[in-house]
PDB file of N, CA and C in Angstrom:
ATOM      1  N   MET A   1     -81.299  70.312-107.342  1.00  0.00           N
ATOM      2  CA  MET A   1     -81.816  68.970-107.178  1.00  0.00           C
ATOM      3  C   MET A   1     -80.651  67.981-107.107  1.00  0.00           C
ATOM      4  N   ASN A   2     -80.707  67.051-106.189  1.00  0.00           N
ATOM      5  CA  ASN A   2     -79.672  66.032-106.083  1.00  0.00           C
ATOM      6  C   ASN A   2     -80.078  64.786-106.841  1.00  0.00           C
ATOM      7  N   SER A   3     -79.122  64.199-107.532  1.00  0.00           N
ATOM      8  CA  SER A   3     -79.307  62.967-108.269  1.00  0.00           C
ATOM      9  C   SER A   3     -78.224  62.004-107.820  1.00  0.00           C
ATOM     10  N   ALA A   4     -78.201  60.831-108.427  1.00  0.00           N
ATOM     11  CA  ALA A   4     -77.182  59.846-108.062  1.00  0.00           C
ATOM     12  C   ALA A   4     -76.398  59.428-109.293  1.00  0.00           C
ATOM     13  N   VAL A   5     -75.185  58.994-109.051  1.00  0.00           N
ATOM     14  CA  VAL A   5     -74.293  58.564-110.114  1.00  0.00           C
ATOM     15  C   VAL A   5     -73.477  57.375-109.605  1.00  0.00           C
ATOM     16  N   ILE A   6     -73.169  56.448-110.498  1.00  0.00           N
ATOM     17  CA  ILE A   6     -72.263  55.348-110.173  1.00  0.00           C
ATOM     18  C   ILE A   6     -70.895  55.737-110.721  1.00  0.00           C
ATOM     19  N   ILE A   7     -69.900  55.767-109.847  1.00  0.00           N
ATOM     20  CA  ILE A   7     -68.533  56.133-110.208  1.00  0.00           C
ATOM     21  C   ILE A   7     -67.659  54.882-110.153  1.00  0.00           C
ATOM     22  N   LYS A   8     -66.859  54.680-111.203  1.00  0.00           N
ATOM     23  CA  LYS A   8     -65.878  53.594-111.207  1.00  0.00           C
ATOM     24  C   LYS A   8     -64.542  54.161-110.737  1.00  0.00           C
ATOM     25  N   PHE A   9     -63.907  53.469-109.825  1.00  0.00           N
ATOM     26  CA  PHE A   9     -62.641  53.868-109.198  1.00  0.00           C
ATOM     27  C   PHE A   9     -61.601  52.851-109.629  1.00  0.00           C
ATOM     28  N   GLU A  10     -60.543  53.277-110.323  1.00  0.00           N
ATOM     29  CA  GLU A  10     -59.473  52.379-110.756  1.00  0.00           C
ATOM     30  C   GLU A  10     -58.149  52.866-110.177  1.00  0.00           C
ATOM     31  N   ALA A  11     -57.473  52.008-109.449  1.00  0.00           N
ATOM     32  CA  ALA A  11     -56.201  52.357-108.817  1.00  0.00           C
ATOM     33  C   ALA A  11     -55.039  51.876-109.676  1.00  0.00           C
ATOM     34  N   ASP A  12     -53.975  52.695-109.775  1.00  0.00           N
ATOM     35  CA  ASP A  12     -52.771  52.231-110.449  1.00  0.00           C
ATOM     36  C   ASP A  12     -52.019  51.282-109.511  1.00  0.00           C
ATOM     37  N   ALA A  13     -50.877  50.760-109.964  1.00  0.00           N
ATOM     38  CA  ALA A  13     -50.138  49.768-109.170  1.00  0.00           C
ATOM     39  C   ALA A  13     -49.701  50.322-107.813  1.00  0.00           C
ATOM     40  N   ILE A  14     -49.243  51.572-107.779  1.00  0.00           N
ATOM     41  CA  ILE A  14     -48.814  52.179-106.506  1.00  0.00           C
ATOM     42  C   ILE A  14     -50.009  52.346-105.575  1.00  0.00           C
ATOM     43  N   ALA A  15     -51.115  52.852-106.116  1.00  0.00           N
ATOM     44  CA  ALA A  15     -52.323  53.037-105.300  1.00  0.00           C
ATOM     45  C   ALA A  15     -52.815  51.698-104.769  1.00  0.00           C
ATOM     46  N   ALA A  16     -52.694  50.649-105.579  1.00  0.00           N
ATOM     47  CA  ALA A  16     -53.107  49.316-105.126  1.00  0.00           C
ATOM     48  C   ALA A  16     -52.217  48.854-103.972  1.00  0.00           C
ATOM     49  N   GLN A  17     -50.906  49.092-104.080  1.00  0.00           N
ATOM     50  CA  GLN A  17     -49.986  48.724-102.996  1.00  0.00           C
ATOM     51  C   GLN A  17     -50.284  49.511-101.728  1.00  0.00           C
ATOM     52  N   ASP A  18     -50.706  50.752-101.890  1.00  0.00           N
ATOM     53  CA  ASP A  18     -51.036  51.603-100.740  1.00  0.00           C
ATOM     54  C   ASP A  18     -52.404  51.274-100.147  1.00  0.00           C
ATOM     55  N   ASP A  19     -53.112  50.319-100.748  1.00  0.00           N
ATOM     56  CA  ASP A  19     -54.462  49.945-100.307  1.00  0.00           C
ATOM     57  C   ASP A  19     -55.421  51.131-100.309  1.00  0.00           C
ATOM     58  N   ILE A  20     -55.279  51.999-101.304  1.00  0.00           N
ATOM     59  CA  ILE A  20     -56.141  53.174-101.403  1.00  0.00           C
ATOM     60  C   ILE A  20     -57.608  52.773-101.536  1.00  0.00           C
ATOM     61  N   LEU A  21     -57.893  51.783-102.365  1.00  0.00           N
ATOM     62  CA  LEU A  21     -59.288  51.404-102.597  1.00  0.00           C
ATOM     63  C   LEU A  21     -59.982  50.907-101.330  1.00  0.00           C
ATOM     64  N   PRO A  22     -59.418  49.960-100.577  1.00  0.00           N
ATOM     65  CA  PRO A  22     -60.088  49.547 -99.338  1.00  0.00           C
ATOM     66  C   PRO A  22     -60.219  50.686 -98.323  1.00  0.00           C
ATOM     67  N   GLN A  23     -59.206  51.552 -98.272  1.00  0.00           N
ATOM     68  CA  GLN A  23     -59.281  52.697 -97.359  1.00  0.00           C
ATOM     69  C   GLN A  23     -60.385  53.664 -97.788  1.00  0.00           C
ATOM     70  N   PHE A  24     -60.465  53.931 -99.097  1.00  0.00           N
ATOM     71  CA  PHE A  24     -61.505  54.826 -99.611  1.00  0.00           C
ATOM     72  C   PHE A  24     -62.885  54.210 -99.384  1.00  0.00           C
ATOM     73  N   ASN A  25     -62.997  52.899 -99.576  1.00  0.00           N
ATOM     74  CA  ASN A  25     -64.272  52.221 -99.348  1.00  0.00           C
ATOM     75  C   ASN A  25     -64.701  52.366 -97.885  1.00  0.00           C
ATOM     76  N   ALA A  26     -63.776  52.148 -96.961  1.00  0.00           N
ATOM     77  CA  ALA A  26     -64.097  52.295 -95.533  1.00  0.00           C
ATOM     78  C   ALA A  26     -64.515  53.730 -95.225  1.00  0.00           C
ATOM     79  N   TYR A  27     -63.799  54.693 -95.796  1.00  0.00           N
ATOM     80  CA  TYR A  27     -64.133  56.110 -95.610  1.00  0.00           C
ATOM     81  C   TYR A  27     -65.544  56.392 -96.126  1.00  0.00           C
ATOM     82  N   MET A  28     -65.864  55.874 -97.307  1.00  0.00           N
ATOM     83  CA  MET A  28     -67.188  56.120 -97.892  1.00  0.00           C
ATOM     84  C   MET A  28     -68.291  55.466 -97.061  1.00  0.00           C
ATOM     85  N   GLN A  29     -68.023  54.301 -96.510  1.00  0.00           N
ATOM     86  CA  GLN A  29     -69.035  53.632 -95.692  1.00  0.00           C
ATOM     87  C   GLN A  29     -69.309  54.429 -94.417  1.00  0.00           C
ATOM     88  N   GLN A  30     -68.275  55.046 -93.864  1.00  0.00           N
ATOM     89  CA  GLN A  30     -68.436  55.827 -92.640  1.00  0.00           C
ATOM     90  C   GLN A  30     -69.019  57.205 -92.903  1.00  0.00           C
ATOM     91  N   SER A  31     -68.573  57.867 -93.963  1.00  0.00           N
ATOM     92  CA  SER A  31     -68.976  59.261 -94.179  1.00  0.00           C
ATOM     93  C   SER A  31     -70.251  59.414 -94.994  1.00  0.00           C
ATOM     94  N   ALA A  32     -70.411  58.615 -96.018  1.00  0.00           N
ATOM     95  CA  ALA A  32     -71.553  58.800 -96.919  1.00  0.00           C
ATOM     96  C   ALA A  32     -72.493  57.600 -96.935  1.00  0.00           C
ATOM     97  N   HIS A  33     -72.107  56.531 -96.274  1.00  0.00           N
ATOM     98  CA  HIS A  33     -72.901  55.293 -96.283  1.00  0.00           C
ATOM     99  C   HIS A  33     -73.251  54.910 -97.719  1.00  0.00           C
ATOM    100  N   SER A  34     -72.237  54.968 -98.576  1.00  0.00           N
ATOM    101  CA  SER A  34     -72.399  54.743-100.004  1.00  0.00           C
ATOM    102  C   SER A  34     -72.435  53.256-100.329  1.00  0.00           C
ATOM    103  N   PRO A  35     -73.465  52.796-101.058  1.00  0.00           N
ATOM    104  CA  PRO A  35     -73.429  51.423-101.548  1.00  0.00           C
ATOM    105  C   PRO A  35     -72.211  51.277-102.462  1.00  0.00           C
ATOM    106  N   SER A  36     -71.503  50.155-102.348  1.00  0.00           N
ATOM    107  CA  SER A  36     -70.296  50.000-103.150  1.00  0.00           C
ATOM    108  C   SER A  36     -70.040  48.541-103.473  1.00  0.00           C
ATOM    109  N   PHE A  37     -69.192  48.333-104.486  1.00  0.00           N
ATOM    110  CA  PHE A  37     -68.688  47.018-104.843  1.00  0.00           C
ATOM    111  C   PHE A  37     -67.200  47.198-105.094  1.00  0.00           C
ATOM    112  N   VAL A  38     -66.363  46.449-104.397  1.00  0.00           N
ATOM    113  CA  VAL A  38     -64.919  46.611-104.504  1.00  0.00           C
ATOM    114  C   VAL A  38     -64.287  45.262-104.812  1.00  0.00           C
ATOM    115  N   HIS A  39     -63.357  45.257-105.801  1.00  0.00           N
ATOM    116  CA  HIS A  39     -62.648  44.034-106.159  1.00  0.00           C
ATOM    117  C   HIS A  39     -61.266  44.403-106.693  1.00  0.00           C
ATOM    118  N   ASP A  40     -60.217  43.864-106.097  1.00  0.00           N
ATOM    119  CA  ASP A  40     -58.834  44.125-106.504  1.00  0.00           C
ATOM    120  C   ASP A  40     -58.551  45.618-106.613  1.00  0.00           C
ATOM    121  N   LYS A  41     -58.285  46.103-107.838  1.00  0.00           N
ATOM    122  CA  LYS A  41     -57.927  47.511-108.039  1.00  0.00           C
ATOM    123  C   LYS A  41     -59.100  48.345-108.537  1.00  0.00           C
ATOM    124  N   GLU A  42     -60.310  47.776-108.562  1.00  0.00           N
ATOM    125  CA  GLU A  42     -61.482  48.500-109.051  1.00  0.00           C
ATOM    126  C   GLU A  42     -62.580  48.532-108.002  1.00  0.00           C
ATOM    127  N   GLY A  43     -63.317  49.609-108.022  1.00  0.00           N
ATOM    128  CA  GLY A  43     -64.459  49.729-107.132  1.00  0.00           C
ATOM    129  C   GLY A  43     -65.532  50.570-107.784  1.00  0.00           C
ATOM    130  N   TYR A  44     -66.757  50.338-107.383  1.00  0.00           N
ATOM    131  CA  TYR A  44     -67.893  51.101-107.888  1.00  0.00           C
ATOM    132  C   TYR A  44     -68.627  51.689-106.693  1.00  0.00           C
ATOM    133  N   PHE A  45     -68.945  52.968-106.777  1.00  0.00           N
ATOM    134  CA  PHE A  45     -69.573  53.678-105.673  1.00  0.00           C
ATOM    135  C   PHE A  45     -70.783  54.452-106.170  1.00  0.00           C
ATOM    136  N   ARG A  46     -71.868  54.397-105.411  1.00  0.00           N
ATOM    137  CA  ARG A  46     -73.054  55.201-105.715  1.00  0.00           C
ATOM    138  C   ARG A  46     -72.954  56.478-104.887  1.00  0.00           C
ATOM    139  N   LEU A  47     -72.938  57.609-105.582  1.00  0.00           N
ATOM    140  CA  LEU A  47     -72.778  58.898-104.917  1.00  0.00           C
ATOM    141  C   LEU A  47     -73.893  59.849-105.321  1.00  0.00           C
ATOM    142  N   SER A  48     -74.267  60.707-104.414  1.00  0.00           N
ATOM    143  CA  SER A  48     -75.185  61.795-104.743  1.00  0.00           C
ATOM    144  C   SER A  48     -74.363  62.928-105.332  1.00  0.00           C
ATOM    145  N   TYR A  49     -74.985  63.702-106.207  1.00  0.00           N
ATOM    146  CA  TYR A  49     -74.292  64.874-106.732  1.00  0.00           C
ATOM    147  C   TYR A  49     -75.305  65.970-106.996  1.00  0.00           C
ATOM    148  N   ASP A  50     -74.827  67.170-106.950  1.00  0.00           N
ATOM    149  CA  ASP A  50     -75.648  68.336-107.233  1.00  0.00           C
ATOM    150  C   ASP A  50     -75.511  68.631-108.719  1.00  0.00           C
ATOM    151  N   GLU A  51     -76.630  68.647-109.435  1.00  0.00           N
ATOM    152  CA  GLU A  51     -76.584  68.852-110.881  1.00  0.00           C
ATOM    153  C   GLU A  51     -75.919  70.166-111.265  1.00  0.00           C
ATOM    154  N   LYS A  52     -75.993  71.164-110.406  1.00  0.00           N
ATOM    155  CA  LYS A  52     -75.353  72.455-110.697  1.00  0.00           C
ATOM    156  C   LYS A  52     -73.831  72.335-110.661  1.00  0.00           C
ATOM    157  N   ALA A  53     -73.318  71.459-109.808  1.00  0.00           N
ATOM    158  CA  ALA A  53     -71.868  71.289-109.675  1.00  0.00           C
ATOM    159  C   ALA A  53     -71.306  70.395-110.773  1.00  0.00           C
ATOM    160  N   GLY A  54     -72.114  69.493-111.302  1.00  0.00           N
ATOM    161  CA  GLY A  54     -71.659  68.601-112.360  1.00  0.00           C
ATOM    162  C   GLY A  54     -71.427  67.188-111.871  1.00  0.00           C
ATOM    163  N   ILE A  55     -71.533  66.279-112.810  1.00  0.00           N
ATOM    164  CA  ILE A  55     -71.433  64.851-112.505  1.00  0.00           C
ATOM    165  C   ILE A  55     -70.037  64.467-112.028  1.00  0.00           C
ATOM    166  N   SER A  56     -69.012  64.884-112.764  1.00  0.00           N
ATOM    167  CA  SER A  56     -67.656  64.442-112.438  1.00  0.00           C
ATOM    168  C   SER A  56     -67.182  64.964-111.092  1.00  0.00           C
ATOM    169  N   SER A  57     -67.797  66.022-110.608  1.00  0.00           N
ATOM    170  CA  SER A  57     -67.349  66.591-109.336  1.00  0.00           C
ATOM    171  C   SER A  57     -67.648  65.685-108.150  1.00  0.00           C
ATOM    172  N   ALA A  58     -68.654  64.825-108.242  1.00  0.00           N
ATOM    173  CA  ALA A  58     -69.040  63.975-107.109  1.00  0.00           C
ATOM    174  C   ALA A  58     -67.891  63.074-106.663  1.00  0.00           C
ATOM    175  N   GLY A  59     -67.326  62.324-107.572  1.00  0.00           N
ATOM    176  CA  GLY A  59     -66.237  61.420-107.223  1.00  0.00           C
ATOM    177  C   GLY A  59     -64.970  62.144-106.830  1.00  0.00           C
ATOM    178  N   VAL A  60     -64.650  63.217-107.555  1.00  0.00           N
ATOM    179  CA  VAL A  60     -63.433  63.977-107.264  1.00  0.00           C
ATOM    180  C   VAL A  60     -63.519  64.623-105.885  1.00  0.00           C
ATOM    181  N   MET A  61     -64.680  65.168-105.544  1.00  0.00           N
ATOM    182  CA  MET A  61     -64.849  65.786-104.223  1.00  0.00           C
ATOM    183  C   MET A  61     -64.662  64.770-103.106  1.00  0.00           C
ATOM    184  N   GLU A  62     -65.316  63.618-103.221  1.00  0.00           N
ATOM    185  CA  GLU A  62     -65.209  62.599-102.167  1.00  0.00           C
ATOM    186  C   GLU A  62     -63.791  62.055-102.065  1.00  0.00           C
ATOM    187  N   LEU A  63     -63.154  61.801-103.215  1.00  0.00           N
ATOM    188  CA  LEU A  63     -61.778  61.303-103.191  1.00  0.00           C
ATOM    189  C   LEU A  63     -60.844  62.349-102.589  1.00  0.00           C
ATOM    190  N   GLY A  64     -61.026  63.607-102.959  1.00  0.00           N
ATOM    191  CA  GLY A  64     -60.199  64.688-102.412  1.00  0.00           C
ATOM    192  C   GLY A  64     -60.326  64.803-100.907  1.00  0.00           C
ATOM    193  N   LYS A  65     -61.567  64.718-100.399  1.00  0.00           N
ATOM    194  CA  LYS A  65     -61.776  64.771 -98.941  1.00  0.00           C
ATOM    195  C   LYS A  65     -61.070  63.604 -98.256  1.00  0.00           C
ATOM    196  N   PHE A  66     -61.213  62.407 -98.848  1.00  0.00           N
ATOM    197  CA  PHE A  66     -60.565  61.221 -98.285  1.00  0.00           C
ATOM    198  C   PHE A  66     -59.046  61.391 -98.252  1.00  0.00           C
ATOM    199  N   LEU A  67     -58.454  61.796 -99.377  1.00  0.00           N
ATOM    200  CA  LEU A  67     -57.000  61.945 -99.440  1.00  0.00           C
ATOM    201  C   LEU A  67     -56.506  62.965 -98.420  1.00  0.00           C
ATOM    202  N   GLN A  68     -57.202  64.078 -98.324  1.00  0.00           N
ATOM    203  CA  GLN A  68     -56.795  65.135 -97.394  1.00  0.00           C
ATOM    204  C   GLN A  68     -56.859  64.658 -95.944  1.00  0.00           C
ATOM    205  N   THR A  69     -57.941  63.993 -95.567  1.00  0.00           N
ATOM    206  CA  THR A  69     -58.085  63.545 -94.180  1.00  0.00           C
ATOM    207  C   THR A  69     -57.181  62.359 -93.850  1.00  0.00           C
ATOM    208  N   SER A  70     -56.650  61.689 -94.884  1.00  0.00           N
ATOM    209  CA  SER A  70     -55.786  60.525 -94.670  1.00  0.00           C
ATOM    210  C   SER A  70     -54.305  60.856 -94.782  1.00  0.00           C
ATOM    211  N   GLY A  71     -53.969  62.142 -94.914  1.00  0.00           N
ATOM    212  CA  GLY A  71     -52.571  62.542 -94.942  1.00  0.00           C
ATOM    213  C   GLY A  71     -51.911  62.518 -96.308  1.00  0.00           C
ATOM    214  N   PHE A  72     -52.681  62.351 -97.373  1.00  0.00           N
ATOM    215  CA  PHE A  72     -52.142  62.385 -98.724  1.00  0.00           C
ATOM    216  C   PHE A  72     -52.202  63.812 -99.253  1.00  0.00           C
ATOM    217  N   THR A  73     -51.371  64.119-100.240  1.00  0.00           N
ATOM    218  CA  THR A  73     -51.398  65.413-100.908  1.00  0.00           C
ATOM    219  C   THR A  73     -51.812  65.198-102.354  1.00  0.00           C
ATOM    220  N   VAL A  74     -52.839  65.896-102.811  1.00  0.00           N
ATOM    221  CA  VAL A  74     -53.246  65.828-104.217  1.00  0.00           C
ATOM    222  C   VAL A  74     -52.239  66.649-105.006  1.00  0.00           C
ATOM    223  N   THR A  75     -51.601  66.030-106.005  1.00  0.00           N
ATOM    224  CA  THR A  75     -50.580  66.722-106.787  1.00  0.00           C
ATOM    225  C   THR A  75     -51.065  67.129-108.169  1.00  0.00           C
ATOM    226  N   ALA A  76     -52.115  66.489-108.682  1.00  0.00           N
ATOM    227  CA  ALA A  76     -52.639  66.852-110.003  1.00  0.00           C
ATOM    228  C   ALA A  76     -54.030  66.263-110.191  1.00  0.00           C
ATOM    229  N   ILE A  77     -54.828  66.980-110.947  1.00  0.00           N
ATOM    230  CA  ILE A  77     -56.139  66.491-111.382  1.00  0.00           C
ATOM    231  C   ILE A  77     -56.224  66.819-112.864  1.00  0.00           C
ATOM    232  N   ARG A  78     -56.485  65.795-113.691  1.00  0.00           N
ATOM    233  CA  ARG A  78     -56.533  66.047-115.130  1.00  0.00           C
ATOM    234  C   ARG A  78     -57.509  65.099-115.815  1.00  0.00           C
ATOM    235  N   SER A  79     -57.862  65.453-117.034  1.00  0.00           N
ATOM    236  CA  SER A  79     -58.718  64.584-117.838  1.00  0.00           C
ATOM    237  C   SER A  79     -57.944  63.329-118.195  1.00  0.00           C
ATOM    238  N   ALA A  80     -58.662  62.236-118.309  1.00  0.00           N
ATOM    239  CA  ALA A  80     -58.029  60.964-118.645  1.00  0.00           C
ATOM    240  C   ALA A  80     -59.006  60.147-119.477  1.00  0.00           C
ATOM    241  N   SER A  81     -58.563  58.983-119.887  1.00  0.00           N
ATOM    242  CA  SER A  81     -59.414  58.059-120.624  1.00  0.00           C
ATOM    243  C   SER A  81     -59.501  56.770-119.826  1.00  0.00           C
ATOM    244  N   ALA A  82     -60.691  56.204-119.778  1.00  0.00           N
ATOM    245  CA  ALA A  82     -60.878  54.950-119.037  1.00  0.00           C
ATOM    246  C   ALA A  82     -61.406  53.880-119.975  1.00  0.00           C
ATOM    247  N   GLY A  83     -60.842  53.807-121.148  1.00  0.00           N
ATOM    248  CA  GLY A  83     -61.308  52.846-122.127  1.00  0.00           C
ATOM    249  C   GLY A  83     -61.824  53.556-123.358  1.00  0.00           C
ATOM    250  N   GLU A  84     -62.395  52.779-124.230  1.00  0.00           N
ATOM    251  CA  GLU A  84     -62.851  53.301-125.514  1.00  0.00           C
ATOM    252  C   GLU A  84     -63.921  54.372-125.345  1.00  0.00           C
ATOM    253  N   SER A  85     -63.588  55.571-125.690  1.00  0.00           N
ATOM    254  CA  SER A  85     -64.472  56.754-125.661  1.00  0.00           C
ATOM    255  C   SER A  85     -65.144  56.996-124.307  1.00  0.00           C
ATOM    256  N   VAL A  86     -64.483  56.609-123.233  1.00  0.00           N
ATOM    257  CA  VAL A  86     -64.988  56.895-121.890  1.00  0.00           C
ATOM    258  C   VAL A  86     -64.111  57.984-121.282  1.00  0.00           C
ATOM    259  N   LEU A  87     -64.710  59.136-121.010  1.00  0.00           N
ATOM    260  CA  LEU A  87     -63.971  60.225-120.387  1.00  0.00           C
ATOM    261  C   LEU A  87     -63.884  59.984-118.889  1.00  0.00           C
ATOM    262  N   ALA A  88     -62.770  60.370-118.327  1.00  0.00           N
ATOM    263  CA  ALA A  88     -62.541  60.125-116.907  1.00  0.00           C
ATOM    264  C   ALA A  88     -61.704  61.258-116.329  1.00  0.00           C
ATOM    265  N   THR A  89     -61.492  61.189-115.025  1.00  0.00           N
ATOM    266  CA  THR A  89     -60.648  62.150-114.322  1.00  0.00           C
ATOM    267  C   THR A  89     -59.576  61.377-113.571  1.00  0.00           C
ATOM    268  N   GLU A  90     -58.323  61.772-113.780  1.00  0.00           N
ATOM    269  CA  GLU A  90     -57.218  61.153-113.051  1.00  0.00           C
ATOM    270  C   GLU A  90     -56.820  62.074-111.904  1.00  0.00           C
ATOM    271  N   VAL A  91     -56.712  61.502-110.718  1.00  0.00           N
ATOM    272  CA  VAL A  91     -56.272  62.244-109.538  1.00  0.00           C
ATOM    273  C   VAL A  91     -54.943  61.632-109.100  1.00  0.00           C
ATOM    274  N   LYS A  92     -53.892  62.449-109.127  1.00  0.00           N
ATOM    275  CA  LYS A  92     -52.575  61.992-108.676  1.00  0.00           C
ATOM    276  C   LYS A  92     -52.360  62.485-107.253  1.00  0.00           C
ATOM    277  N   TYR A  93     -51.677  61.666-106.461  1.00  0.00           N
ATOM    278  CA  TYR A  93     -51.449  62.006-105.058  1.00  0.00           C
ATOM    279  C   TYR A  93     -50.039  61.603-104.656  1.00  0.00           C
ATOM    280  N   GLU A  94     -49.623  62.084-103.495  1.00  0.00           N
ATOM    281  CA  GLU A  94     -48.300  61.774-102.958  1.00  0.00           C
ATOM    282  C   GLU A  94     -48.401  61.646-101.445  1.00  0.00           C
ATOM    283  N   LYS A  95     -47.644  60.699-100.911  1.00  0.00           N
ATOM    284  CA  LYS A  95     -47.523  60.555 -99.460  1.00  0.00           C
ATOM    285  C   LYS A  95     -46.194  59.866 -99.178  1.00  0.00           C
ATOM    286  N   SER A  96     -45.427  60.444 -98.299  1.00  0.00           N
ATOM    287  CA  SER A  96     -44.130  59.878 -97.900  1.00  0.00           C
ATOM    288  C   SER A  96     -43.228  59.599 -99.100  1.00  0.00           C
ATOM    289  N   GLY A  97     -43.246  60.484-100.085  1.00  0.00           N
ATOM    290  CA  GLY A  97     -42.377  60.339-101.247  1.00  0.00           C
ATOM    291  C   GLY A  97     -42.874  59.383-102.311  1.00  0.00           C
ATOM    292  N   LYS A  98     -43.984  58.707-102.080  1.00  0.00           N
ATOM    293  CA  LYS A  98     -44.552  57.792-103.072  1.00  0.00           C
ATOM    294  C   LYS A  98     -45.702  58.481-103.786  1.00  0.00           C
ATOM    295  N   GLU A  99     -45.718  58.351-105.122  1.00  0.00           N
ATOM    296  CA  GLU A  99     -46.790  58.934-105.919  1.00  0.00           C
ATOM    297  C   GLU A  99     -47.658  57.828-106.496  1.00  0.00           C
ATOM    298  N   GLY A 100     -48.943  58.062-106.507  1.00  0.00           N
ATOM    299  CA  GLY A 100     -49.885  57.121-107.092  1.00  0.00           C
ATOM    300  C   GLY A 100     -50.972  57.882-107.805  1.00  0.00           C
ATOM    301  N   SER A 101     -51.835  57.149-108.477  1.00  0.00           N
ATOM    302  CA  SER A 101     -52.954  57.819-109.137  1.00  0.00           C
ATOM    303  C   SER A 101     -54.181  56.926-109.155  1.00  0.00           C
ATOM    304  N   VAL A 102     -55.304  57.594-109.247  1.00  0.00           N
ATOM    305  CA  VAL A 102     -56.603  56.938-109.298  1.00  0.00           C
ATOM    306  C   VAL A 102     -57.362  57.548-110.467  1.00  0.00           C
ATOM    307  N   VAL A 103     -58.059  56.719-111.227  1.00  0.00           N
ATOM    308  CA  VAL A 103     -58.890  57.205-112.328  1.00  0.00           C
ATOM    309  C   VAL A 103     -60.347  56.990-111.952  1.00  0.00           C
ATOM    310  N   LEU A 104     -61.128  58.056-112.045  1.00  0.00           N
ATOM    311  CA  LEU A 104     -62.558  58.013-111.752  1.00  0.00           C
ATOM    312  C   LEU A 104     -63.326  58.216-113.049  1.00  0.00           C
ATOM    313  N   SER A 105     -64.294  57.352-113.310  1.00  0.00           N
ATOM    314  CA  SER A 105     -65.137  57.520-114.491  1.00  0.00           C
ATOM    315  C   SER A 105     -66.593  57.305-114.105  1.00  0.00           C
ATOM    316  N   THR A 106     -67.478  57.938-114.847  1.00  0.00           N
ATOM    317  CA  THR A 106     -68.909  57.831-114.588  1.00  0.00           C
ATOM    318  C   THR A 106     -69.455  56.629-115.342  1.00  0.00           C
ATOM    319  N   VAL A 107     -70.137  55.742-114.627  1.00  0.00           N
ATOM    320  CA  VAL A 107     -70.694  54.544-115.235  1.00  0.00           C
ATOM    321  C   VAL A 107     -72.177  54.729-115.539  1.00  0.00           C
ATOM    322  N   ARG A 108     -72.896  55.334-114.602  1.00  0.00           N
ATOM    323  CA  ARG A 108     -74.347  55.482-114.777  1.00  0.00           C
ATOM    324  C   ARG A 108     -74.848  56.696-114.005  1.00  0.00           C
ATOM    325  N   ILE A 109     -75.820  57.365-114.581  1.00  0.00           N
ATOM    326  CA  ILE A 109     -76.449  58.519-113.938  1.00  0.00           C
ATOM    327  C   ILE A 109     -77.928  58.211-113.799  1.00  0.00           C
ATOM    328  N   TYR A 110     -78.481  58.489-112.631  1.00  0.00           N
ATOM    329  CA  TYR A 110     -79.931  58.321-112.452  1.00  0.00           C
ATOM    330  C   TYR A 110     -80.449  59.214-111.368  1.00  0.00           C
TER     331      TYR A 110
END
């Protein structure tokens, strides 16, 4: 069964300079037609996910597809914290010798 989740996307300073968030937003609008809200270094995306695959996989899968098709290399994926007792996933990437990272956290499940 497919459900929906709201994912918060937070870009570090390098990712913000690389305009990762606006690029990811454009990618999501074209590929998934995902409702979104984007401001500065933060964005919120509504994504479908397969309950068998898990909630956190939705954002990581979409971000990974975007990075791969945009010429970035994913260098690490690890657990992270996105505030007080909020579990998140950090995705580190590299392109042209520059490294950046994005933190994805689940805001709401429905």
